[in-house]
Amino acid sequence: MLAANWRCNEGELDLVLGGPGEASYVFCEVKARSSSSFGTGLDAVTVLKQRRVRRLAVRWLAERRTRSERARKSFRPLRFDVAAVSVGTEGELVVEVLEGSF
């Protein structure tokens, strides 16, 4: 994990994953719901939220790119995931991850 709850004046990234040996950076939006009355956590990531996460990812990358990445002018692929956390029928936590969701 590279960052958790990274904040700037434009908003927050929940999780940034992908260490030096990884092929890509993963930006994961986490949504928790105690019930599905208003939809699932996956439903909560609207187009507006997707745009914000993309914008924050660009800012995070601009601040964190390594010197060698800048020198090579290389970029790792980006992936945007959503993790939905909910409570199961027996009170257990259920985590559903949708990789490459946007």
N, C-alpha and C. Protein backbone atom coordinates (compact mmCIF):
# COMPACT_ATOMS: atom_id res chain seq x y z
N MET A 1 0.86 -1.17 0.00
CA MET A 1 0.00 0.00 0.00
C MET A 1 0.90 1.23 0.00
N LEU A 2 0.58 2.15 -0.89
CA LEU A 2 1.35 3.38 -1.00
C LEU A 2 0.74 4.52 -0.19
N ALA A 3 -0.58 4.52 -0.08
CA ALA A 3 -1.25 5.58 0.68
C ALA A 3 -2.63 5.11 1.09
N ALA A 4 -3.07 5.61 2.23
CA ALA A 4 -4.44 5.38 2.70
C ALA A 4 -4.98 6.71 3.22
N ASN A 5 -6.17 7.04 2.78
CA ASN A 5 -6.81 8.30 3.19
C ASN A 5 -5.92 9.51 2.89
N TRP A 6 -5.34 9.51 1.69
CA TRP A 6 -4.50 10.64 1.26
C TRP A 6 -5.40 11.82 0.98
N ARG A 7 -5.05 12.97 1.55
CA ARG A 7 -5.89 14.16 1.42
C ARG A 7 -5.13 15.34 0.84
N CYS A 8 -5.88 16.14 0.13
CA CYS A 8 -5.40 17.45 -0.32
C CYS A 8 -6.62 18.36 -0.30
N ASN A 9 -6.46 19.60 -0.70
CA ASN A 9 -7.58 20.53 -0.62
C ASN A 9 -8.71 20.20 -1.60
N GLU A 10 -8.47 19.30 -2.55
CA GLU A 10 -9.51 18.93 -3.53
C GLU A 10 -10.31 17.69 -3.12
N GLY A 11 -9.84 16.95 -2.12
CA GLY A 11 -10.56 15.76 -1.71
C GLY A 11 -9.64 14.70 -1.13
N GLU A 12 -10.11 13.44 -1.18
CA GLU A 12 -9.39 12.34 -0.54
C GLU A 12 -9.39 11.10 -1.43
N LEU A 13 -8.24 10.43 -1.45
CA LEU A 13 -8.13 9.10 -2.06
C LEU A 13 -8.15 8.08 -0.93
N ASP A 14 -9.00 7.07 -1.04
CA ASP A 14 -9.10 6.08 0.03
C ASP A 14 -7.86 5.19 0.08
N LEU A 15 -7.52 4.55 -1.04
CA LEU A 15 -6.35 3.66 -1.08
C LEU A 15 -5.59 3.86 -2.38
N VAL A 16 -4.27 3.87 -2.27
CA VAL A 16 -3.40 3.85 -3.45
C VAL A 16 -2.48 2.66 -3.26
N LEU A 17 -2.50 1.76 -4.24
CA LEU A 17 -1.75 0.51 -4.15
C LEU A 17 -0.80 0.38 -5.33
N GLY A 18 0.23 -0.45 -5.14
CA GLY A 18 1.18 -0.73 -6.22
C GLY A 18 2.57 -0.27 -5.87
N GLY A 19 3.36 -1.16 -5.37
CA GLY A 19 4.72 -0.83 -4.98
C GLY A 19 5.66 -0.73 -6.16
N PRO A 20 6.95 -0.56 -5.89
CA PRO A 20 7.95 -0.39 -6.96
C PRO A 20 7.97 -1.52 -7.98
N GLY A 21 7.72 -2.76 -7.57
CA GLY A 21 7.75 -3.88 -8.50
C GLY A 21 6.44 -4.13 -9.22
N GLU A 22 5.42 -3.39 -8.87
CA GLU A 22 4.11 -3.60 -9.47
C GLU A 22 4.04 -2.96 -10.85
N ALA A 23 3.20 -3.52 -11.70
CA ALA A 23 3.08 -3.02 -13.08
C ALA A 23 2.22 -1.77 -13.18
N SER A 24 1.30 -1.57 -12.23
CA SER A 24 0.41 -0.43 -12.35
C SER A 24 0.12 0.17 -10.98
N TYR A 25 -0.42 1.37 -11.00
CA TYR A 25 -0.94 2.00 -9.79
C TYR A 25 -2.43 1.68 -9.73
N VAL A 26 -2.91 1.39 -8.53
CA VAL A 26 -4.33 1.11 -8.34
C VAL A 26 -4.88 2.14 -7.35
N PHE A 27 -5.92 2.83 -7.78
CA PHE A 27 -6.61 3.78 -6.93
C PHE A 27 -7.96 3.16 -6.59
N CYS A 28 -8.18 2.91 -5.30
CA CYS A 28 -9.38 2.17 -4.88
C CYS A 28 -10.27 3.07 -4.03
N GLU A 29 -11.49 3.24 -4.47
CA GLU A 29 -12.51 3.97 -3.73
C GLU A 29 -13.25 2.95 -2.86
N VAL A 30 -13.33 3.21 -1.56
CA VAL A 30 -13.97 2.29 -0.62
C VAL A 30 -15.29 2.91 -0.16
N LYS A 31 -16.36 2.13 -0.27
CA LYS A 31 -17.68 2.57 0.17
C LYS A 31 -18.26 1.53 1.12
N ALA A 32 -18.67 1.97 2.29
CA ALA A 32 -19.26 1.08 3.28
C ALA A 32 -20.75 1.39 3.43
N ARG A 33 -21.54 0.35 3.57
CA ARG A 33 -22.98 0.49 3.75
C ARG A 33 -23.45 -0.47 4.85
N SER A 34 -24.30 0.02 5.74
CA SER A 34 -24.86 -0.85 6.77
C SER A 34 -26.11 -1.57 6.28
N SER A 35 -26.69 -1.06 5.19
CA SER A 35 -27.84 -1.73 4.57
C SER A 35 -27.85 -1.35 3.09
N SER A 36 -28.68 -2.04 2.33
CA SER A 36 -28.78 -1.74 0.90
C SER A 36 -30.01 -0.90 0.60
N SER A 37 -30.58 -0.25 1.61
CA SER A 37 -31.78 0.56 1.42
C SER A 37 -31.60 1.65 0.38
N PHE A 38 -30.39 2.20 0.31
CA PHE A 38 -30.11 3.27 -0.64
C PHE A 38 -29.14 2.80 -1.72
N GLY A 39 -29.08 1.50 -1.96
CA GLY A 39 -28.18 0.95 -2.95
C GLY A 39 -26.92 0.41 -2.30
N THR A 40 -26.10 -0.22 -3.09
CA THR A 40 -24.86 -0.81 -2.59
C THR A 40 -23.73 0.22 -2.64
N GLY A 41 -22.62 -0.15 -2.06
CA GLY A 41 -21.44 0.71 -2.14
C GLY A 41 -20.99 0.91 -3.57
N LEU A 42 -21.17 -0.11 -4.39
CA LEU A 42 -20.81 0.01 -5.80
C LEU A 42 -21.68 1.04 -6.50
N ASP A 43 -22.96 1.09 -6.12
CA ASP A 43 -23.88 2.07 -6.72
C ASP A 43 -23.53 3.50 -6.34
N ALA A 44 -22.85 3.65 -5.21
CA ALA A 44 -22.56 4.99 -4.68
C ALA A 44 -21.45 5.72 -5.43
N VAL A 45 -20.71 5.01 -6.26
CA VAL A 45 -19.61 5.65 -6.99
C VAL A 45 -20.15 6.17 -8.32
N THR A 46 -20.62 7.39 -8.28
CA THR A 46 -21.25 8.02 -9.43
C THR A 46 -20.20 8.52 -10.42
N VAL A 47 -20.65 8.97 -11.56
CA VAL A 47 -19.74 9.54 -12.56
C VAL A 47 -19.01 10.74 -11.98
N LEU A 48 -19.67 11.55 -11.20
CA LEU A 48 -19.04 12.70 -10.56
C LEU A 48 -17.93 12.25 -9.62
N LYS A 49 -18.18 11.21 -8.83
CA LYS A 49 -17.16 10.68 -7.92
C LYS A 49 -16.00 10.09 -8.72
N GLN A 50 -16.28 9.42 -9.81
CA GLN A 50 -15.22 8.86 -10.66
C GLN A 50 -14.31 9.97 -11.18
N ARG A 51 -14.90 11.05 -11.63
CA ARG A 51 -14.10 12.18 -12.12
C ARG A 51 -13.21 12.75 -11.03
N ARG A 52 -13.76 12.87 -9.83
CA ARG A 52 -12.99 13.41 -8.72
C ARG A 52 -11.81 12.49 -8.39
N VAL A 53 -12.06 11.20 -8.35
CA VAL A 53 -10.98 10.25 -8.04
C VAL A 53 -9.90 10.31 -9.11
N ARG A 54 -10.29 10.40 -10.37
CA ARG A 54 -9.30 10.52 -11.45
C ARG A 54 -8.46 11.80 -11.29
N ARG A 55 -9.12 12.89 -10.99
CA ARG A 55 -8.42 14.16 -10.80
C ARG A 55 -7.45 14.08 -9.62
N LEU A 56 -7.89 13.47 -8.53
CA LEU A 56 -7.02 13.31 -7.37
C LEU A 56 -5.85 12.37 -7.67
N ALA A 57 -6.10 11.35 -8.48
CA ALA A 57 -5.02 10.42 -8.85
C ALA A 57 -3.93 11.15 -9.62
N VAL A 58 -4.32 12.03 -10.53
CA VAL A 58 -3.34 12.81 -11.29
C VAL A 58 -2.52 13.68 -10.35
N ARG A 59 -3.18 14.28 -9.39
CA ARG A 59 -2.46 15.12 -8.43
C ARG A 59 -1.52 14.29 -7.58
N TRP A 60 -1.98 13.14 -7.09
CA TRP A 60 -1.13 12.26 -6.29
C TRP A 60 0.10 11.83 -7.09
N LEU A 61 -0.12 11.45 -8.33
CA LEU A 61 1.00 11.02 -9.18
C LEU A 61 2.00 12.16 -9.41
N ALA A 62 1.49 13.35 -9.63
CA ALA A 62 2.38 14.49 -9.86
C ALA A 62 3.26 14.76 -8.64
N GLU A 63 2.73 14.52 -7.47
CA GLU A 63 3.50 14.75 -6.24
C GLU A 63 4.42 13.58 -5.88
N ARG A 64 4.12 12.38 -6.37
CA ARG A 64 4.81 11.19 -5.90
C ARG A 64 5.70 10.49 -6.93
N ARG A 65 5.66 10.90 -8.16
CA ARG A 65 6.47 10.20 -9.17
C ARG A 65 7.93 10.23 -8.78
N THR A 66 8.59 9.12 -8.98
CA THR A 66 9.99 9.03 -8.59
C THR A 66 10.86 9.77 -9.60
N ARG A 67 12.05 10.10 -9.18
CA ARG A 67 13.00 10.80 -10.05
C ARG A 67 13.29 9.96 -11.29
N SER A 68 13.44 8.64 -11.13
CA SER A 68 13.74 7.79 -12.30
C SER A 68 12.56 7.75 -13.27
N GLU A 69 11.33 7.76 -12.75
CA GLU A 69 10.16 7.79 -13.62
C GLU A 69 10.11 9.10 -14.41
N ARG A 70 10.43 10.20 -13.76
CA ARG A 70 10.45 11.48 -14.46
C ARG A 70 11.55 11.52 -15.51
N ALA A 71 12.72 10.97 -15.17
CA ALA A 71 13.84 10.97 -16.11
C ALA A 71 13.54 10.11 -17.34
N ARG A 72 12.89 8.97 -17.13
CA ARG A 72 12.57 8.08 -18.25
C ARG A 72 11.32 8.54 -18.99
N LYS A 73 10.62 9.49 -18.40
CA LYS A 73 9.34 9.94 -18.96
C LYS A 73 8.40 8.75 -19.19
N SER A 74 8.46 7.83 -18.24
CA SER A 74 7.62 6.63 -18.34
C SER A 74 6.46 6.74 -17.36
N PHE A 75 5.41 6.06 -17.69
CA PHE A 75 4.23 6.06 -16.86
C PHE A 75 3.75 4.62 -16.68
N ARG A 76 3.37 4.30 -15.47
CA ARG A 76 2.74 3.01 -15.22
C ARG A 76 1.25 3.13 -15.57
N PRO A 77 0.67 2.05 -16.01
CA PRO A 77 -0.78 2.07 -16.24
C PRO A 77 -1.53 2.33 -14.92
N LEU A 78 -2.69 2.91 -15.02
CA LEU A 78 -3.53 3.19 -13.86
C LEU A 78 -4.76 2.30 -13.90
N ARG A 79 -5.21 1.90 -12.71
CA ARG A 79 -6.45 1.13 -12.62
C ARG A 79 -7.27 1.73 -11.49
N PHE A 80 -8.57 1.80 -11.70
CA PHE A 80 -9.47 2.37 -10.71
C PHE A 80 -10.45 1.29 -10.26
N ASP A 81 -10.38 0.95 -8.98
CA ASP A 81 -11.22 -0.09 -8.40
C ASP A 81 -12.20 0.52 -7.42
N VAL A 82 -13.26 -0.24 -7.12
CA VAL A 82 -14.20 0.12 -6.06
C VAL A 82 -14.32 -1.08 -5.13
N ALA A 83 -14.20 -0.81 -3.82
CA ALA A 83 -14.41 -1.84 -2.80
C ALA A 83 -15.66 -1.47 -2.03
N ALA A 84 -16.63 -2.37 -2.05
CA ALA A 84 -17.89 -2.14 -1.34
C ALA A 84 -17.89 -3.02 -0.09
N VAL A 85 -18.06 -2.40 1.06
CA VAL A 85 -18.09 -3.12 2.33
C VAL A 85 -19.51 -3.06 2.86
N SER A 86 -20.04 -4.23 3.20
CA SER A 86 -21.41 -4.30 3.72
C SER A 86 -21.47 -5.34 4.84
N VAL A 87 -22.62 -5.39 5.49
CA VAL A 87 -22.83 -6.35 6.57
C VAL A 87 -23.66 -7.50 6.02
N GLY A 88 -23.15 -8.72 6.20
CA GLY A 88 -23.84 -9.91 5.71
C GLY A 88 -25.01 -10.30 6.59
N THR A 89 -25.69 -11.36 6.19
CA THR A 89 -26.90 -11.79 6.89
C THR A 89 -26.63 -12.26 8.32
N GLU A 90 -25.41 -12.69 8.60
CA GLU A 90 -25.07 -13.15 9.95
C GLU A 90 -24.20 -12.14 10.70
N GLY A 91 -24.18 -10.91 10.22
CA GLY A 91 -23.43 -9.85 10.87
C GLY A 91 -21.97 -9.74 10.48
N GLU A 92 -21.53 -10.59 9.57
CA GLU A 92 -20.14 -10.55 9.12
C GLU A 92 -19.94 -9.45 8.09
N LEU A 93 -18.71 -8.96 8.00
CA LEU A 93 -18.39 -7.98 6.97
C LEU A 93 -18.17 -8.68 5.64
N VAL A 94 -18.75 -8.11 4.61
CA VAL A 94 -18.61 -8.65 3.26
C VAL A 94 -17.94 -7.57 2.41
N VAL A 95 -16.85 -7.95 1.76
CA VAL A 95 -16.13 -7.01 0.91
C VAL A 95 -16.20 -7.50 -0.53
N GLU A 96 -16.68 -6.65 -1.39
CA GLU A 96 -16.76 -6.95 -2.83
C GLU A 96 -15.90 -5.93 -3.56
N VAL A 97 -14.92 -6.43 -4.31
CA VAL A 97 -14.02 -5.53 -5.04
C VAL A 97 -14.28 -5.67 -6.53
N LEU A 98 -14.51 -4.55 -7.16
CA LEU A 98 -14.72 -4.51 -8.60
C LEU A 98 -13.47 -3.86 -9.21
N GLU A 99 -12.61 -4.67 -9.80
CA GLU A 99 -11.37 -4.17 -10.38
C GLU A 99 -11.64 -3.51 -11.72
N GLY A 100 -10.93 -2.42 -11.97
CA GLY A 100 -11.07 -1.72 -13.25
C GLY A 100 -12.48 -1.23 -13.49
N SER A 101 -13.12 -0.74 -12.45
CA SER A 101 -14.54 -0.39 -12.57
C SER A 101 -14.79 0.91 -13.34
N PHE A 102 -13.78 1.76 -13.42
CA PHE A 102 -13.93 2.99 -14.21
C PHE A 102 -12.60 3.48 -14.67
